[in-house]
Amino acid sequence: MYRFEYISGALENSFRLSKEEEPAILYRQGIKQHVCEILEGGEEAFEKREKKYGFRTT
């Protein structure tokens, strides 16, 4: 498993995490959580869209 934390900018400027540090954000959340936070405006906005368009995610 890769252990790094990407902040922004060039990937070469990322830093490695030690074994004692908490896992990188990329491994703490699933895809739905990332989409909710980054693209959809948060969990509440995502849930409103689910109701509006009549679909459910698992």
C-alpha atoms as a PDB file:
ATOM      1  CA  MET A   1       0.000   0.000   0.000  1.00  0.00           C
ATOM      2  CA  TYR A   2       1.215   3.495  -0.795  1.00  0.00           C
ATOM      3  CA  ARG A   3       1.533   5.803   2.182  1.00  0.00           C
ATOM      4  CA  PHE A   4       1.518   9.465   1.236  1.00  0.00           C
ATOM      5  CA  GLU A   5      -0.570  12.557   1.773  1.00  0.00           C
ATOM      6  CA  TYR A   6      -1.313  14.648  -1.293  1.00  0.00           C
ATOM      7  CA  ILE A   7      -1.961  18.310  -0.485  1.00  0.00           C
ATOM      8  CA  SER A   8      -1.734  20.175  -3.799  1.00  0.00           C
ATOM      9  CA  GLY A   9       0.699  20.950  -6.579  1.00  0.00           C
ATOM     10  CA  ALA A  10       3.180  18.501  -8.040  1.00  0.00           C
ATOM     11  CA  LEU A  11       3.007  14.935  -6.753  1.00  0.00           C
ATOM     12  CA  GLU A  12       6.777  15.060  -6.261  1.00  0.00           C
ATOM     13  CA  ASN A  13       6.159  17.541  -3.419  1.00  0.00           C
ATOM     14  CA  SER A  14       3.996  15.087  -1.445  1.00  0.00           C
ATOM     15  CA  PHE A  15       5.362  13.610   1.750  1.00  0.00           C
ATOM     16  CA  ARG A  16       5.523  10.073   3.079  1.00  0.00           C
ATOM     17  CA  LEU A  17       3.635   9.113   6.216  1.00  0.00           C
ATOM     18  CA  SER A  18       5.394   7.225   8.975  1.00  0.00           C
ATOM     19  CA  LYS A  19       3.893   3.976  10.279  1.00  0.00           C
ATOM     20  CA  GLU A  20       2.667   5.759  13.436  1.00  0.00           C
ATOM     21  CA  GLU A  21       0.688   8.419  11.583  1.00  0.00           C
ATOM     22  CA  GLU A  22      -2.957   8.069  10.706  1.00  0.00           C
ATOM     23  CA  PRO A  23      -3.610   6.752   7.162  1.00  0.00           C
ATOM     24  CA  ALA A  24      -3.767   9.318   4.382  1.00  0.00           C
ATOM     25  CA  ILE A  25      -7.152  10.856   3.606  1.00  0.00           C
ATOM     26  CA  LEU A  26      -7.251   8.868   0.353  1.00  0.00           C
ATOM     27  CA  TYR A  27      -7.531   5.668   2.417  1.00  0.00           C
ATOM     28  CA  ARG A  28      -9.808   6.914   5.224  1.00  0.00           C
ATOM     29  CA  GLN A  29     -12.833   7.617   3.041  1.00  0.00           C
ATOM     30  CA  GLY A  30     -14.622   5.784   0.299  1.00  0.00           C
ATOM     31  CA  ILE A  31     -15.421   7.115  -3.147  1.00  0.00           C
ATOM     32  CA  LYS A  32     -18.919   8.314  -2.174  1.00  0.00           C
ATOM     33  CA  GLN A  33     -17.510  10.391   0.694  1.00  0.00           C
ATOM     34  CA  HIS A  34     -14.943  12.032  -1.589  1.00  0.00           C
ATOM     35  CA  VAL A  35     -17.599  12.779  -4.229  1.00  0.00           C
ATOM     36  CA  CYS A  36     -19.941  14.205  -1.580  1.00  0.00           C
ATOM     37  CA  GLU A  37     -17.304  16.550  -0.208  1.00  0.00           C
ATOM     38  CA  ILE A  38     -15.620  17.628  -3.435  1.00  0.00           C
ATOM     39  CA  LEU A  39     -18.270  17.586  -6.161  1.00  0.00           C
ATOM     40  CA  GLU A  40     -21.708  17.508  -4.585  1.00  0.00           C
ATOM     41  CA  GLY A  41     -21.529  20.196  -1.892  1.00  0.00           C
ATOM     42  CA  GLY A  42     -21.537  17.906   1.132  1.00  0.00           C
ATOM     43  CA  GLU A  43     -23.634  15.021   2.383  1.00  0.00           C
ATOM     44  CA  GLU A  44     -26.828  17.052   2.819  1.00  0.00           C
ATOM     45  CA  ALA A  45     -26.734  18.296  -0.791  1.00  0.00           C
ATOM     46  CA  PHE A  46     -26.072  14.756  -2.029  1.00  0.00           C
ATOM     47  CA  GLU A  47     -29.077  13.417  -0.075  1.00  0.00           C
ATOM     48  CA  LYS A  48     -31.319  16.158  -1.517  1.00  0.00           C
ATOM     49  CA  ARG A  49     -30.297  15.130  -5.044  1.00  0.00           C
ATOM     50  CA  GLU A  50     -31.035  11.480  -4.230  1.00  0.00           C
ATOM     51  CA  LYS A  51     -34.582  12.462  -3.211  1.00  0.00           C
ATOM     52  CA  LYS A  52     -35.068  14.895  -6.096  1.00  0.00           C
ATOM     53  CA  TYR A  53     -34.048  12.409  -8.795  1.00  0.00           C
ATOM     54  CA  GLY A  54     -35.418   9.302  -7.061  1.00  0.00           C
ATOM     55  CA  PHE A  55     -32.318   7.177  -6.792  1.00  0.00           C
ATOM     56  CA  ARG A  56     -30.573   5.455  -3.898  1.00  0.00           C
ATOM     57  CA  THR A  57     -26.930   4.605  -3.497  1.00  0.00           C
ATOM     58  CA  THR A  58     -25.542   1.917  -1.262  1.00  0.00           C
END
